[in-house]
Amino acid sequence: MPHINEKLDFTATVFIVHDNKVLLRMHDKYNVWLGVGGHIEPGEDPIEALYREVKEECGLEFELAGRRPQNFSAESEDLPVPAFINRHHTGPGHEHVDMLYVARAKTLTIQPGPEEKQVEFRWFAREELENSELTINDHTRYYAAEAIKLALVKD
């Protein structure tokens, strides 16, 4: 999706974990390994954006890991809290505020949606994330390694 706001967009990313490995995708625009996710579209909350992005990009079924919200009434909904929030530059004069979540894979078959470009996916063990020859930025290395740890914690 193109930028919604000229200077700042909100995005949601999920690091999906299975068997002590985290799923990353090669981003077609930036040519770097990242978690699955993208822009939060108008009318969406971050969780709705995650489910849409995962369905479009890789088709995996997942469950969010971490603290479960407490809903107090039918008129409101407490959303799951992101594991991390990151603000970063994406180009001249533009930034993203990214809400990063951790999830556990329920399925392992990757099936990108029909509109998705050819994207490379790979499951990374924690040790592999430290390989300096891979095009993984430092914050993605950190979040991916932390996701593996956080996914082991039973909610």
C-alpha atoms as a PDB file:
ATOM      1  CA  MET A   1       0.000   0.000   0.000  1.00  0.00           C
ATOM      2  CA  PRO A   2       1.298   3.486  -0.744  1.00  0.00           C
ATOM      3  CA  HIS A   3       1.891   5.973   2.014  1.00  0.00           C
ATOM      4  CA  ILE A   4      -1.257   7.186   3.728  1.00  0.00           C
ATOM      5  CA  ASN A   5       0.411  10.186   5.321  1.00  0.00           C
ATOM      6  CA  GLU A   6       3.082  12.329   3.713  1.00  0.00           C
ATOM      7  CA  LYS A   7       5.463  12.258   6.697  1.00  0.00           C
ATOM      8  CA  LEU A   8       4.505   9.352   8.974  1.00  0.00           C
ATOM      9  CA  ASP A   9       2.681   6.041   8.542  1.00  0.00           C
ATOM     10  CA  PHE A  10       1.755   3.395  11.101  1.00  0.00           C
ATOM     11  CA  THR A  11       2.709  -0.189  10.299  1.00  0.00           C
ATOM     12  CA  ALA A  12       2.401  -3.590  11.958  1.00  0.00           C
ATOM     13  CA  THR A  13       4.917  -6.425  11.770  1.00  0.00           C
ATOM     14  CA  VAL A  14       4.788  -9.937  13.151  1.00  0.00           C
ATOM     15  CA  PHE A  15       7.687 -12.284  13.823  1.00  0.00           C
ATOM     16  CA  ILE A  16       6.194 -15.762  13.412  1.00  0.00           C
ATOM     17  CA  VAL A  17       8.022 -18.535  15.251  1.00  0.00           C
ATOM     18  CA  HIS A  18       7.982 -22.310  14.834  1.00  0.00           C
ATOM     19  CA  ASP A  19      10.324 -24.903  16.321  1.00  0.00           C
ATOM     20  CA  ASN A  20      12.767 -22.246  17.625  1.00  0.00           C
ATOM     21  CA  LYS A  21      13.005 -20.580  14.221  1.00  0.00           C
ATOM     22  CA  VAL A  22      11.576 -17.271  13.056  1.00  0.00           C
ATOM     23  CA  LEU A  23      10.118 -16.566   9.634  1.00  0.00           C
ATOM     24  CA  LEU A  24      11.591 -13.648   7.711  1.00  0.00           C
ATOM     25  CA  ARG A  25      10.881 -12.464   4.194  1.00  0.00           C
ATOM     26  CA  MET A  26      13.128 -10.759   1.707  1.00  0.00           C
ATOM     27  CA  HIS A  27      11.592  -7.327   1.159  1.00  0.00           C
ATOM     28  CA  ASP A  28      11.259  -6.680  -2.580  1.00  0.00           C
ATOM     29  CA  LYS A  29      11.812  -2.907  -2.305  1.00  0.00           C
ATOM     30  CA  TYR A  30      14.549  -2.709   0.345  1.00  0.00           C
ATOM     31  CA  ASN A  31      16.318  -6.035  -0.431  1.00  0.00           C
ATOM     32  CA  VAL A  32      16.661  -6.903   3.251  1.00  0.00           C
ATOM     33  CA  TRP A  33      15.216  -9.643   5.477  1.00  0.00           C
ATOM     34  CA  LEU A  34      12.252  -8.402   7.561  1.00  0.00           C
ATOM     35  CA  GLY A  35       9.303  -9.747   9.499  1.00  0.00           C
ATOM     36  CA  VAL A  36       5.912 -10.094   7.817  1.00  0.00           C
ATOM     37  CA  GLY A  37       3.763  -6.971   7.823  1.00  0.00           C
ATOM     38  CA  GLY A  38       2.988  -3.619   6.306  1.00  0.00           C
ATOM     39  CA  HIS A  39       0.905  -0.459   6.470  1.00  0.00           C
ATOM     40  CA  ILE A  40      -2.139  -0.226   8.710  1.00  0.00           C
ATOM     41  CA  GLU A  41      -4.895   0.794   6.320  1.00  0.00           C
ATOM     42  CA  PRO A  42      -7.615   3.330   7.146  1.00  0.00           C
ATOM     43  CA  GLY A  43     -10.236   1.726   9.370  1.00  0.00           C
ATOM     44  CA  GLU A  44      -7.914  -1.077  10.560  1.00  0.00           C
ATOM     45  CA  ASP A  45      -6.370  -1.603  13.951  1.00  0.00           C
ATOM     46  CA  PRO A  46      -2.870  -3.157  14.147  1.00  0.00           C
ATOM     47  CA  ILE A  47      -4.201  -6.682  14.735  1.00  0.00           C
ATOM     48  CA  GLU A  48      -6.510  -6.545  11.721  1.00  0.00           C
ATOM     49  CA  ALA A  49      -3.570  -5.274   9.654  1.00  0.00           C
ATOM     50  CA  LEU A  50      -1.388  -8.180  10.829  1.00  0.00           C
ATOM     51  CA  TYR A  51      -3.917 -10.817   9.857  1.00  0.00           C
ATOM     52  CA  ARG A  52      -4.495  -9.189   6.463  1.00  0.00           C
ATOM     53  CA  GLU A  53      -0.779  -8.769   5.751  1.00  0.00           C
ATOM     54  CA  VAL A  54       0.073 -12.345   6.774  1.00  0.00           C
ATOM     55  CA  LYS A  55      -2.751 -13.702   4.624  1.00  0.00           C
ATOM     56  CA  GLU A  56      -1.591 -11.632   1.636  1.00  0.00           C
ATOM     57  CA  GLU A  57       2.136 -12.226   2.035  1.00  0.00           C
ATOM     58  CA  CYS A  58       2.487 -15.832   3.186  1.00  0.00           C
ATOM     59  CA  GLY A  59      -0.897 -17.356   4.042  1.00  0.00           C
ATOM     60  CA  LEU A  60       0.268 -18.850   7.363  1.00  0.00           C
ATOM     61  CA  GLU A  61      -2.163 -19.374  10.197  1.00  0.00           C
ATOM     62  CA  PHE A  62      -0.810 -18.093  13.522  1.00  0.00           C
ATOM     63  CA  GLU A  63      -1.660 -17.192  17.087  1.00  0.00           C
ATOM     64  CA  LEU A  64      -0.270 -14.132  18.794  1.00  0.00           C
ATOM     65  CA  ALA A  65       2.052 -14.771  21.714  1.00  0.00           C
ATOM     66  CA  GLY A  66       2.242 -12.619  24.796  1.00  0.00           C
ATOM     67  CA  ARG A  67      -0.105 -10.984  27.212  1.00  0.00           C
ATOM     68  CA  ARG A  68      -3.794 -11.424  26.504  1.00  0.00           C
ATOM     69  CA  PRO A  69      -5.949  -8.326  26.881  1.00  0.00           C
ATOM     70  CA  GLN A  70      -8.831  -8.056  29.310  1.00  0.00           C
ATOM     71  CA  ASN A  71     -12.063  -6.800  27.741  1.00  0.00           C
ATOM     72  CA  PHE A  72     -14.250  -4.876  30.147  1.00  0.00           C
ATOM     73  CA  SER A  73     -17.369  -4.249  28.099  1.00  0.00           C
ATOM     74  CA  ALA A  74     -19.066  -4.945  24.797  1.00  0.00           C
ATOM     75  CA  GLU A  75     -18.502  -1.301  23.806  1.00  0.00           C
ATOM     76  CA  SER A  76     -14.716  -1.540  23.805  1.00  0.00           C
ATOM     77  CA  GLU A  77     -11.964  -3.988  22.975  1.00  0.00           C
ATOM     78  CA  ASP A  78      -8.496  -4.093  24.476  1.00  0.00           C
ATOM     79  CA  LEU A  79      -6.017  -5.075  21.786  1.00  0.00           C
ATOM     80  CA  PRO A  80      -2.940  -7.254  22.284  1.00  0.00           C
ATOM     81  CA  VAL A  81       0.079  -5.195  23.220  1.00  0.00           C
ATOM     82  CA  PRO A  82       3.015  -5.191  20.784  1.00  0.00           C
ATOM     83  CA  ALA A  83       6.273  -6.707  22.000  1.00  0.00           C
ATOM     84  CA  PHE A  84       8.111  -3.684  20.569  1.00  0.00           C
ATOM     85  CA  ILE A  85       7.382  -0.340  18.912  1.00  0.00           C
ATOM     86  CA  ASN A  86       9.932   1.142  16.529  1.00  0.00           C
ATOM     87  CA  ARG A  87      10.123   4.457  14.682  1.00  0.00           C
ATOM     88  CA  HIS A  88      12.396   4.519  11.642  1.00  0.00           C
ATOM     89  CA  HIS A  89      13.101   6.441   8.447  1.00  0.00           C
ATOM     90  CA  THR A  90      12.019   4.798   5.192  1.00  0.00           C
ATOM     91  CA  GLY A  91      13.112   7.498   2.780  1.00  0.00           C
ATOM     92  CA  PRO A  92      13.602  11.234   2.491  1.00  0.00           C
ATOM     93  CA  GLY A  93      11.165  12.981   4.808  1.00  0.00           C
ATOM     94  CA  HIS A  94       9.153   9.836   5.619  1.00  0.00           C
ATOM     95  CA  GLU A  95       8.996   7.584   8.678  1.00  0.00           C
ATOM     96  CA  HIS A  96       7.126   4.559   9.942  1.00  0.00           C
ATOM     97  CA  VAL A  97       5.979   3.800  13.473  1.00  0.00           C
ATOM     98  CA  ASP A  98       6.009   0.008  13.492  1.00  0.00           C
ATOM     99  CA  MET A  99       4.146  -2.067  16.076  1.00  0.00           C
ATOM    100  CA  LEU A 100       5.969  -5.398  16.292  1.00  0.00           C
ATOM    101  CA  TYR A 101       4.279  -8.570  17.521  1.00  0.00           C
ATOM    102  CA  VAL A 102       5.356 -12.150  18.178  1.00  0.00           C
ATOM    103  CA  ALA A 103       3.303 -15.139  17.061  1.00  0.00           C
ATOM    104  CA  ARG A 104       3.445 -18.914  16.884  1.00  0.00           C
ATOM    105  CA  ALA A 105       2.799 -20.616  13.551  1.00  0.00           C
ATOM    106  CA  LYS A 106      -0.219 -22.931  13.426  1.00  0.00           C
ATOM    107  CA  THR A 107       0.624 -24.059   9.892  1.00  0.00           C
ATOM    108  CA  LEU A 108       3.910 -24.225   7.999  1.00  0.00           C
ATOM    109  CA  THR A 109       2.779 -24.071   4.392  1.00  0.00           C
ATOM    110  CA  ILE A 110       3.638 -20.708   2.894  1.00  0.00           C
ATOM    111  CA  GLN A 111       1.104 -19.672   0.264  1.00  0.00           C
ATOM    112  CA  PRO A 112       1.415 -16.037  -0.809  1.00  0.00           C
ATOM    113  CA  GLY A 113      -1.775 -14.375  -2.015  1.00  0.00           C
ATOM    114  CA  PRO A 114      -2.402 -13.990  -5.745  1.00  0.00           C
ATOM    115  CA  GLU A 115      -1.467 -10.291  -5.790  1.00  0.00           C
ATOM    116  CA  GLU A 116       1.811 -10.817  -3.933  1.00  0.00           C
ATOM    117  CA  LYS A 117       5.045 -10.448  -5.866  1.00  0.00           C
ATOM    118  CA  GLN A 118       7.521 -13.306  -5.848  1.00  0.00           C
ATOM    119  CA  VAL A 119       8.868 -13.133  -2.309  1.00  0.00           C
ATOM    120  CA  GLU A 120      11.515 -15.290  -0.686  1.00  0.00           C
ATOM    121  CA  PHE A 121      10.772 -16.629   2.815  1.00  0.00           C
ATOM    122  CA  ARG A 122      13.113 -18.405   5.170  1.00  0.00           C
ATOM    123  CA  TRP A 123      12.987 -19.831   8.696  1.00  0.00           C
ATOM    124  CA  PHE A 124      16.007 -18.626  10.721  1.00  0.00           C
ATOM    125  CA  ALA A 125      17.428 -20.189  13.882  1.00  0.00           C
ATOM    126  CA  ARG A 126      18.801 -17.733  16.443  1.00  0.00           C
ATOM    127  CA  GLU A 127      22.418 -18.557  15.534  1.00  0.00           C
ATOM    128  CA  GLU A 128      21.733 -17.877  11.842  1.00  0.00           C
ATOM    129  CA  LEU A 129      20.488 -14.374  12.642  1.00  0.00           C
ATOM    130  CA  GLU A 130      24.006 -13.491  13.778  1.00  0.00           C
ATOM    131  CA  ASN A 131      25.526 -14.229  10.345  1.00  0.00           C
ATOM    132  CA  SER A 132      26.937 -10.849   9.279  1.00  0.00           C
ATOM    133  CA  GLU A 133      26.852 -11.858   5.604  1.00  0.00           C
ATOM    134  CA  LEU A 134      23.044 -11.867   5.614  1.00  0.00           C
ATOM    135  CA  THR A 135      21.231  -8.653   4.741  1.00  0.00           C
ATOM    136  CA  ILE A 136      19.434  -8.283   8.067  1.00  0.00           C
ATOM    137  CA  ASN A 137      19.505  -4.908   9.789  1.00  0.00           C
ATOM    138  CA  ASP A 138      20.449  -4.756  13.461  1.00  0.00           C
ATOM    139  CA  HIS A 139      16.981  -4.040  14.811  1.00  0.00           C
ATOM    140  CA  THR A 140      15.463  -6.929  12.817  1.00  0.00           C
ATOM    141  CA  ARG A 141      18.194  -9.267  14.142  1.00  0.00           C
ATOM    142  CA  TYR A 142      17.339  -8.195  17.674  1.00  0.00           C
ATOM    143  CA  TYR A 143      13.543  -8.423  17.321  1.00  0.00           C
ATOM    144  CA  ALA A 144      13.727 -11.789  15.533  1.00  0.00           C
ATOM    145  CA  ALA A 145      16.005 -13.286  18.206  1.00  0.00           C
ATOM    146  CA  GLU A 146      13.789 -11.909  20.972  1.00  0.00           C
ATOM    147  CA  ALA A 147      10.707 -13.332  19.223  1.00  0.00           C
ATOM    148  CA  ILE A 148      12.188 -16.822  19.413  1.00  0.00           C
ATOM    149  CA  LYS A 149      12.657 -16.379  23.179  1.00  0.00           C
ATOM    150  CA  LEU A 150       9.231 -14.816  23.713  1.00  0.00           C
ATOM    151  CA  ALA A 151       7.432 -17.529  21.734  1.00  0.00           C
ATOM    152  CA  LEU A 152       8.778 -20.127  24.164  1.00  0.00           C
ATOM    153  CA  VAL A 153       7.045 -18.439  27.092  1.00  0.00           C
ATOM    154  CA  LYS A 154       3.642 -19.961  27.723  1.00  0.00           C
ATOM    155  CA  ASP A 155       0.895 -17.320  27.912  1.00  0.00           C
END
